Amino acid sequence: MQILKGQPLEPIPSHKKVKITCMKNITEIMYIEKLSLNGFPIKRISKNEYMILATGEIKEFKSHIENRSQDKDSLRKTFKKIRELINNNFEGAKNELAFTLTYDKNMKDSEVLYKDFEGFMDKITYKYPNTDYLSVVEPQERGAWHCHVLLRFNDLDKIFIPNSTIAEMWGNGFVKVKAIRSDVDNMGAYLSAYLGDVELNPSNYNQIKPGVVVKEVEINGKKKKFIKGGRLHLYPANMHIMRKSKGIKYPVSNYDIYENVKKIVGAVTPNYSSKIKILDDDDNFINAITYEHYNSKRLK
């Protein structure tokens, strides 16, 4: 199967059904040309193979994988969920904080990490009972783990906790505490920028080989270069890299015709649009998907 990105954009027909997802100041619209609200049914044809009935495509069931870079589609979906959760629950309010929890040793045991994090959150919620959190584990190139945490103190209008207090609660190494910036208009993209990609630096120039994609991203007004997908191989298979409290809610998506959906975002053009085309191995058309992204903080 081939996924062709950057396809020429065409207007979405006003009578066609689209998917809309609203997350505070972010609204996403997705148009699938061959839409099936029930998904694409499959039929097992052997122990290791199945057929997508809508297309006749033969696929293999995924076998055991050693790390998440061999299951990039799964990681891509996970990162998308993380971005959506962030955008739906955090906006840079004064009662929100972001932590980075690191170890003073080269700690590689994920079970120990989870146990230490649970102990840390027990201390936080003992002092601030009505608190919600979202945590994401990030692997470092040297093999160690550290944890990014977003906290929302629901009973407070604003919050300040010194680094020293959080470091004492954590008790395992360095801690960086900061308020979430209210001027960041896409919190999910801003805070998840480093999860799958590796910032280009002199120590990893040797990774730039044919087929390796280097992308440029603007963060805080500065342009940085990243090796796309350079961190994916560091994620072990089947590891739950994201955890959240019950109060952190996924955004609700709905389906409606495009004409009605456009009334929600108004008579404006999207801040970002893209289209992908999906072909089988014989270049036969399977589907096409168009994305529109609206950010109310940028719309004039």
Protein backbone atom coordinates (compact mmCIF):
# COMPACT_ATOMS: atom_id res chain seq x y z
CA MET A 1 0.00 0.00 0.00
CA GLN A 2 1.22 3.50 -0.84
CA ILE A 3 0.40 6.69 1.04
CA LEU A 4 1.04 9.77 -1.11
CA LYS A 5 1.23 13.01 0.87
CA GLY A 6 1.07 16.58 -0.37
CA GLN A 7 -1.59 15.94 -3.00
CA PRO A 8 -3.24 18.91 -4.80
CA LEU A 9 -6.09 20.30 -2.73
CA GLU A 10 -9.64 20.31 -4.07
CA PRO A 11 -12.73 21.91 -2.49
CA ILE A 12 -14.67 19.60 -0.20
CA PRO A 13 -18.18 19.13 -1.64
CA SER A 14 -20.71 20.94 0.54
CA HIS A 15 -23.10 17.93 0.64
CA LYS A 16 -20.46 15.38 1.67
CA LYS A 17 -20.23 14.07 5.23
CA VAL A 18 -17.09 15.01 7.17
CA LYS A 19 -15.70 14.41 10.63
CA ILE A 20 -15.29 17.45 12.91
CA THR A 21 -13.28 17.49 16.15
CA CYS A 22 -13.40 20.56 18.42
CA MET A 23 -10.68 21.15 21.06
CA LYS A 24 -10.86 24.55 22.77
CA ASN A 25 -9.33 26.91 20.15
CA ILE A 26 -8.52 24.09 17.69
CA THR A 27 -11.02 22.66 15.19
CA GLU A 28 -10.11 19.85 12.80
CA ILE A 29 -12.14 18.70 9.81
CA MET A 30 -11.44 15.43 8.00
CA TYR A 31 -13.03 14.42 4.70
CA ILE A 32 -12.68 10.79 3.57
CA GLU A 33 -13.77 10.28 -0.02
CA LYS A 34 -14.79 6.67 0.60
CA LEU A 35 -16.28 7.05 4.05
CA SER A 36 -17.41 4.04 6.04
CA LEU A 37 -18.60 4.87 9.54
CA ASN A 38 -18.24 1.19 10.44
CA GLY A 39 -14.66 0.96 9.20
CA PHE A 40 -13.44 -1.46 6.57
CA PRO A 41 -14.47 -5.07 7.34
CA ILE A 42 -11.82 -7.75 6.93
CA LYS A 43 -11.83 -11.49 6.31
CA ARG A 44 -9.15 -13.86 7.56
CA ILE A 45 -7.86 -15.97 4.67
CA SER A 46 -4.99 -17.76 6.43
CA LYS A 47 -3.17 -17.88 9.74
CA ASN A 48 -1.05 -14.88 8.82
CA GLU A 49 -3.12 -13.03 6.21
CA TYR A 50 -6.45 -11.21 5.86
CA MET A 51 -8.34 -9.39 3.11
CA ILE A 52 -9.85 -5.88 3.29
CA LEU A 53 -13.24 -6.62 1.76
CA ALA A 54 -13.83 -3.10 0.47
CA THR A 55 -10.62 -3.09 -1.59
CA GLY A 56 -9.60 -6.74 -2.00
CA GLU A 57 -6.21 -5.89 -0.56
CA ILE A 58 -4.29 -8.76 1.08
CA LYS A 59 -2.49 -7.84 4.32
CA GLU A 60 -0.41 -9.68 6.90
CA PHE A 61 -1.29 -9.73 10.59
CA LYS A 62 1.42 -7.99 12.59
CA SER A 63 3.90 -10.38 14.12
CA HIS A 64 6.05 -9.75 17.19
CA ILE A 65 7.92 -6.47 16.96
CA GLU A 66 11.02 -5.50 18.92
CA ASN A 67 10.40 -1.78 19.10
CA ARG A 68 7.82 0.81 18.15
CA SER A 69 9.68 2.03 15.04
CA GLN A 70 8.51 -1.20 13.40
CA ASP A 71 4.94 -0.17 14.19
CA LYS A 72 5.05 3.48 13.09
CA ASP A 73 1.34 3.62 12.39
CA SER A 74 0.59 2.73 16.02
CA LEU A 75 2.98 5.41 17.28
CA ARG A 76 1.53 7.97 14.88
CA LYS A 77 -1.94 7.30 16.28
CA THR A 78 -0.63 7.51 19.86
CA PHE A 79 1.04 10.89 19.23
CA LYS A 80 -2.16 12.17 17.61
CA LYS A 81 -4.16 11.11 20.68
CA ILE A 82 -1.65 12.91 22.90
CA ARG A 83 -1.92 16.11 20.87
CA GLU A 84 -5.71 15.94 20.96
CA LEU A 85 -5.77 15.32 24.71
CA ILE A 86 -3.47 18.28 25.32
CA ASN A 87 -5.44 20.61 23.07
CA ASN A 88 -8.75 19.52 24.61
CA ASN A 89 -7.70 19.92 28.25
CA PHE A 90 -4.93 22.54 28.51
CA GLU A 91 -4.78 26.11 27.27
CA GLY A 92 -2.07 27.85 29.26
CA ALA A 93 -4.33 28.89 32.14
CA LYS A 94 -2.79 30.14 35.38
CA ASN A 95 -3.85 26.96 37.21
CA GLU A 96 -1.80 24.73 34.88
CA LEU A 97 1.82 23.62 35.17
CA ALA A 98 4.22 21.55 33.10
CA PHE A 99 6.89 19.36 34.73
CA THR A 100 9.85 17.46 33.34
CA LEU A 101 10.94 14.65 35.66
CA THR A 102 14.37 13.12 35.07
CA TYR A 103 16.61 10.62 36.82
CA ASP A 104 20.07 11.31 38.17
CA LYS A 105 21.06 7.85 36.93
CA ASN A 106 20.71 6.14 33.57
CA MET A 107 17.37 4.53 34.47
CA LYS A 108 15.99 2.24 31.74
CA ASP A 109 13.43 0.14 33.66
CA SER A 110 9.94 1.27 32.62
CA GLU A 111 8.26 -0.60 35.48
CA VAL A 112 10.35 1.32 38.00
CA LEU A 113 9.51 4.53 36.19
CA TYR A 114 5.77 3.84 36.46
CA LYS A 115 6.07 2.97 40.16
CA ASP A 116 8.08 6.12 40.88
CA PHE A 117 5.61 8.27 38.95
CA GLU A 118 2.62 6.82 40.81
CA GLY A 119 4.33 7.60 44.11
CA PHE A 120 5.01 11.14 42.93
CA MET A 121 1.38 11.70 41.90
CA ASP A 122 0.17 10.34 45.25
CA LYS A 123 2.13 13.15 46.93
CA ILE A 124 0.77 15.77 44.53
CA THR A 125 -2.87 14.72 44.93
CA TYR A 126 -2.52 14.43 48.72
CA LYS A 127 -1.63 18.13 48.83
CA TYR A 128 -3.86 19.18 45.91
CA PRO A 129 -6.75 16.65 45.80
CA ASN A 130 -8.68 17.92 42.78
CA THR A 131 -5.85 17.74 40.28
CA ASP A 132 -5.79 16.18 36.83
CA TYR A 133 -2.69 15.08 34.98
CA LEU A 134 -1.41 13.89 31.63
CA SER A 135 2.03 12.27 31.50
CA VAL A 136 4.11 11.18 28.54
CA VAL A 137 7.29 9.12 28.75
CA GLU A 138 10.13 10.15 26.44
CA PRO A 139 13.20 8.00 25.71
CA GLN A 140 16.61 9.61 25.48
CA GLU A 141 19.26 8.59 22.96
CA ARG A 142 21.45 7.29 25.79
CA GLY A 143 18.65 4.87 26.72
CA ALA A 144 17.33 6.61 29.83
CA TRP A 145 13.73 7.72 30.32
CA HIS A 146 12.20 10.90 31.55
CA CYS A 147 8.63 11.99 32.00
CA HIS A 148 6.73 15.06 30.77
CA VAL A 149 3.77 15.92 32.98
CA LEU A 150 0.95 18.43 32.54
CA LEU A 151 -1.07 19.28 35.66
CA ARG A 152 -4.36 21.15 36.02
CA PHE A 153 -5.29 22.26 39.55
CA ASN A 154 -9.07 22.40 39.23
CA ASP A 155 -9.83 24.07 42.59
CA LEU A 156 -7.35 26.91 42.08
CA ASP A 157 -7.37 30.04 39.95
CA LYS A 158 -3.58 30.04 39.76
CA ILE A 159 -0.70 27.91 40.96
CA PHE A 160 3.00 28.27 41.70
CA ILE A 161 5.15 25.47 43.09
CA PRO A 162 8.93 25.96 43.44
CA ASN A 163 11.26 23.54 41.67
CA SER A 164 12.73 22.57 45.03
CA THR A 165 9.33 21.41 46.35
CA ILE A 166 8.62 19.27 43.29
CA ALA A 167 12.17 17.89 43.31
CA GLU A 168 11.70 16.80 46.93
CA MET A 169 8.42 15.07 46.03
CA TRP A 170 10.04 13.36 43.04
CA GLY A 171 13.23 12.41 44.85
CA ASN A 172 14.93 10.75 41.87
CA GLY A 173 16.80 13.50 40.10
CA PHE A 174 16.41 16.77 38.27
CA VAL A 175 13.03 18.51 37.96
CA LYS A 176 12.00 21.44 35.80
CA VAL A 177 8.71 23.16 36.61
CA LYS A 178 7.20 25.86 34.42
CA ALA A 179 3.87 27.49 33.75
CA ILE A 180 2.28 26.54 30.44
CA ARG A 181 2.65 29.44 28.06
CA SER A 182 -0.66 31.12 27.28
CA ASP A 183 0.73 32.56 24.02
CA VAL A 184 1.20 29.10 22.52
CA ASP A 185 -1.82 28.66 20.26
CA ASN A 186 -1.39 24.95 19.52
CA MET A 187 -0.47 23.40 22.85
CA GLY A 188 -0.52 19.83 21.57
CA ALA A 189 1.91 20.45 18.72
CA TYR A 190 4.15 22.59 20.93
CA LEU A 191 4.48 20.08 23.77
CA SER A 192 4.68 16.93 21.64
CA ALA A 193 7.26 18.28 19.18
CA TYR A 194 10.10 16.16 20.55
CA LEU A 195 8.32 12.82 21.09
CA GLY A 196 9.00 11.13 17.77
CA ASP A 197 11.72 13.27 16.23
CA VAL A 198 15.30 13.99 17.30
CA GLU A 199 16.76 17.47 17.16
CA LEU A 200 19.67 17.58 14.74
CA ASN A 201 23.02 18.18 16.42
CA PRO A 202 26.69 17.39 15.75
CA SER A 203 26.44 14.04 17.57
CA ASN A 204 23.79 12.63 15.20
CA TYR A 205 24.77 14.09 11.82
CA ASN A 206 25.91 10.60 10.84
CA GLN A 207 22.26 9.47 10.89
CA ILE A 208 21.50 11.57 7.81
CA LYS A 209 21.47 8.96 5.07
CA PRO A 210 19.44 8.42 1.89
CA GLY A 211 15.79 8.09 2.85
CA VAL A 212 16.17 9.93 6.16
CA VAL A 213 13.94 13.02 6.33
CA VAL A 214 15.15 16.20 8.05
CA LYS A 215 12.39 18.69 8.79
CA GLU A 216 12.54 22.27 10.03
CA VAL A 217 10.19 23.39 12.80
CA GLU A 218 9.68 26.84 14.30
CA ILE A 219 9.53 26.72 18.10
CA ASN A 220 9.28 29.89 20.17
CA GLY A 221 10.24 31.96 17.13
CA LYS A 222 13.40 29.93 16.47
CA LYS A 223 13.84 27.45 13.62
CA LYS A 224 15.19 24.04 14.57
CA LYS A 225 15.95 20.98 12.47
CA PHE A 226 14.80 17.48 13.43
CA ILE A 227 15.43 13.98 12.12
CA LYS A 228 11.89 12.82 11.41
CA GLY A 229 11.07 9.63 13.29
CA GLY A 230 14.58 9.51 14.75
CA ARG A 231 13.33 8.63 18.22
CA LEU A 232 10.80 5.96 17.27
CA HIS A 233 13.19 3.02 17.58
CA LEU A 234 13.79 3.92 21.23
CA TYR A 235 10.19 3.11 22.23
CA PRO A 236 9.79 -0.54 23.30
CA ALA A 237 6.87 -2.45 21.82
CA ASN A 238 3.68 -2.55 23.89
CA MET A 239 4.86 0.15 26.28
CA HIS A 240 2.15 2.58 27.43
CA ILE A 241 3.92 5.87 26.87
CA MET A 242 0.94 8.00 27.91
CA ARG A 243 -1.06 8.02 31.15
CA LYS A 244 -3.81 10.33 32.34
CA SER A 245 -6.27 10.94 35.15
CA LYS A 246 -10.02 10.42 34.72
CA GLY A 247 -10.66 14.14 34.43
CA ILE A 248 -8.59 14.41 31.24
CA LYS A 249 -11.15 13.90 28.49
CA TYR A 250 -10.80 13.00 24.84
CA PRO A 251 -12.40 15.45 22.41
CA VAL A 252 -15.76 14.53 20.97
CA SER A 253 -15.95 14.02 17.20
CA ASN A 254 -19.12 14.25 15.16
CA TYR A 255 -20.14 13.66 11.57
CA ASP A 256 -22.17 16.13 9.52
CA ILE A 257 -22.25 17.48 6.01
CA TYR A 258 -19.51 19.96 5.20
CA GLU A 259 -21.94 22.83 4.64
CA ASN A 260 -23.17 22.60 8.24
CA VAL A 261 -19.70 22.12 9.67
CA LYS A 262 -18.42 25.26 7.97
CA LYS A 263 -21.02 27.27 9.87
CA ILE A 264 -19.19 26.33 13.08
CA VAL A 265 -15.81 27.72 12.00
CA GLY A 266 -17.29 30.60 10.04
CA ALA A 267 -16.48 32.11 6.67
CA VAL A 268 -12.71 31.79 7.02
CA THR A 269 -10.04 29.77 5.30
CA PRO A 270 -8.25 27.05 7.28
CA ASN A 271 -4.87 27.80 8.81
CA TYR A 272 -3.59 24.52 7.41
CA SER A 273 -4.85 22.05 4.80
CA SER A 274 -3.45 18.83 3.43
CA LYS A 275 -4.49 15.88 1.32
CA ILE A 276 -3.21 12.32 1.09
CA LYS A 277 -4.02 9.67 -1.46
CA ILE A 278 -3.91 5.94 -0.71
CA LEU A 279 -3.06 3.48 -3.51
CA ASP A 280 -2.52 -0.27 -3.52
CA ASP A 281 0.73 -1.84 -4.65
CA ASP A 282 -0.52 -1.80 -8.25
CA ASP A 283 -1.24 1.96 -8.12
CA ASN A 284 -4.99 1.42 -7.94
CA PHE A 285 -6.93 4.08 -6.01
CA ILE A 286 -8.14 3.05 -2.53
CA ASN A 287 -9.06 6.32 -0.85
CA ALA A 288 -8.19 10.00 -0.38
CA ILE A 289 -8.32 12.05 2.81
CA THR A 290 -8.40 15.85 3.14
CA TYR A 291 -7.62 17.62 6.42
CA GLU A 292 -8.50 21.18 7.38
CA HIS A 293 -7.16 22.78 10.55
CA TYR A 294 -8.65 25.93 12.12
CA ASN A 295 -7.12 27.83 15.04
CA SER A 296 -9.36 30.54 16.51
CA LYS A 297 -6.36 32.32 18.07
CA ARG A 298 -4.93 32.84 14.60
CA LEU A 299 -8.10 33.60 12.66
CA LYS A 300 -8.72 37.24 11.91
